[in-house]
């Protein structure tokens, strides 16, 4: 599969459709799964946002 093949909220294939609820939830929630490899991400909720990291692909953080 190519880069960003997985939904970062539910972990299912991104092109499988039906991810409207995931997109809405991601406006408020951090990602749960790595969109590159589908591994569960380590998430830390901070007072000013969140950070999430994959052991293979590194991390991401919310805009502050």
Protein backbone atom coordinates (compact mmCIF):
# COMPACT_ATOMS: atom_id res chain seq x y z
CA UNK A 1 0.00 0.00 0.00
CA UNK A 2 1.08 3.59 -0.52
CA UNK A 3 1.69 6.30 2.01
CA UNK A 4 -1.37 7.30 4.05
CA UNK A 5 -3.25 4.12 3.18
CA UNK A 6 -4.85 3.77 6.62
CA UNK A 7 -7.39 5.89 8.51
CA UNK A 8 -5.57 7.45 11.46
CA UNK A 9 -8.65 7.16 13.67
CA UNK A 10 -10.13 3.68 13.09
CA UNK A 11 -7.14 1.93 11.48
CA UNK A 12 -9.13 0.60 8.51
CA UNK A 13 -8.15 1.12 4.86
CA UNK A 14 -8.49 4.81 4.00
CA UNK A 15 -9.98 4.07 0.58
CA UNK A 16 -12.68 1.77 1.99
CA UNK A 17 -15.09 4.68 2.37
CA UNK A 18 -17.36 5.46 5.29
CA UNK A 19 -14.84 7.59 7.18
CA UNK A 20 -17.06 10.67 7.57
CA UNK A 21 -17.42 10.06 11.32
CA UNK A 22 -13.64 9.62 11.60
CA UNK A 23 -12.99 12.95 9.85
CA UNK A 24 -15.43 14.72 12.16
CA UNK A 25 -13.94 13.14 15.29
CA UNK A 26 -10.38 13.98 14.18
CA UNK A 27 -11.24 17.69 14.39
CA UNK A 28 -11.23 17.23 18.18
CA UNK A 29 -9.20 14.06 18.81
CA UNK A 30 -5.58 13.05 18.22
CA UNK A 31 -4.83 10.24 15.74
CA UNK A 32 -4.90 6.68 17.07
CA UNK A 33 -3.19 4.79 14.24
CA UNK A 34 -0.23 5.60 12.00
CA UNK A 35 -1.59 6.40 8.51
CA UNK A 36 1.55 4.87 6.95
CA UNK A 37 1.79 1.47 8.67
CA UNK A 38 -1.40 1.07 10.78
CA UNK A 39 0.53 0.70 14.06
CA UNK A 40 -1.16 2.01 17.18
CA UNK A 41 0.41 5.39 18.03
CA UNK A 42 1.56 6.57 21.45
CA UNK A 43 -0.66 9.58 22.21
CA UNK A 44 -0.13 12.20 24.87
CA UNK A 45 -2.82 14.77 25.60
CA UNK A 46 -1.32 18.05 26.77
CA UNK A 47 -2.93 21.17 28.26
CA UNK A 48 -2.30 22.98 24.96
CA UNK A 49 -3.07 20.17 22.49
CA UNK A 50 -1.69 16.68 21.87
CA UNK A 51 1.22 14.75 20.43
CA UNK A 52 1.23 11.32 18.79
CA UNK A 53 4.15 9.18 17.67
CA UNK A 54 4.74 6.00 15.70
CA UNK A 55 7.83 3.93 16.51
CA UNK A 56 8.61 3.66 12.77
CA UNK A 57 7.46 6.98 11.28
CA UNK A 58 7.97 9.56 14.01
CA UNK A 59 5.55 11.99 15.51
CA UNK A 60 3.00 14.66 14.88
CA UNK A 61 1.41 17.27 17.12
CA UNK A 62 -1.63 19.51 17.15
CA UNK A 63 -1.32 23.12 16.07
CA UNK A 64 -0.91 25.25 19.15
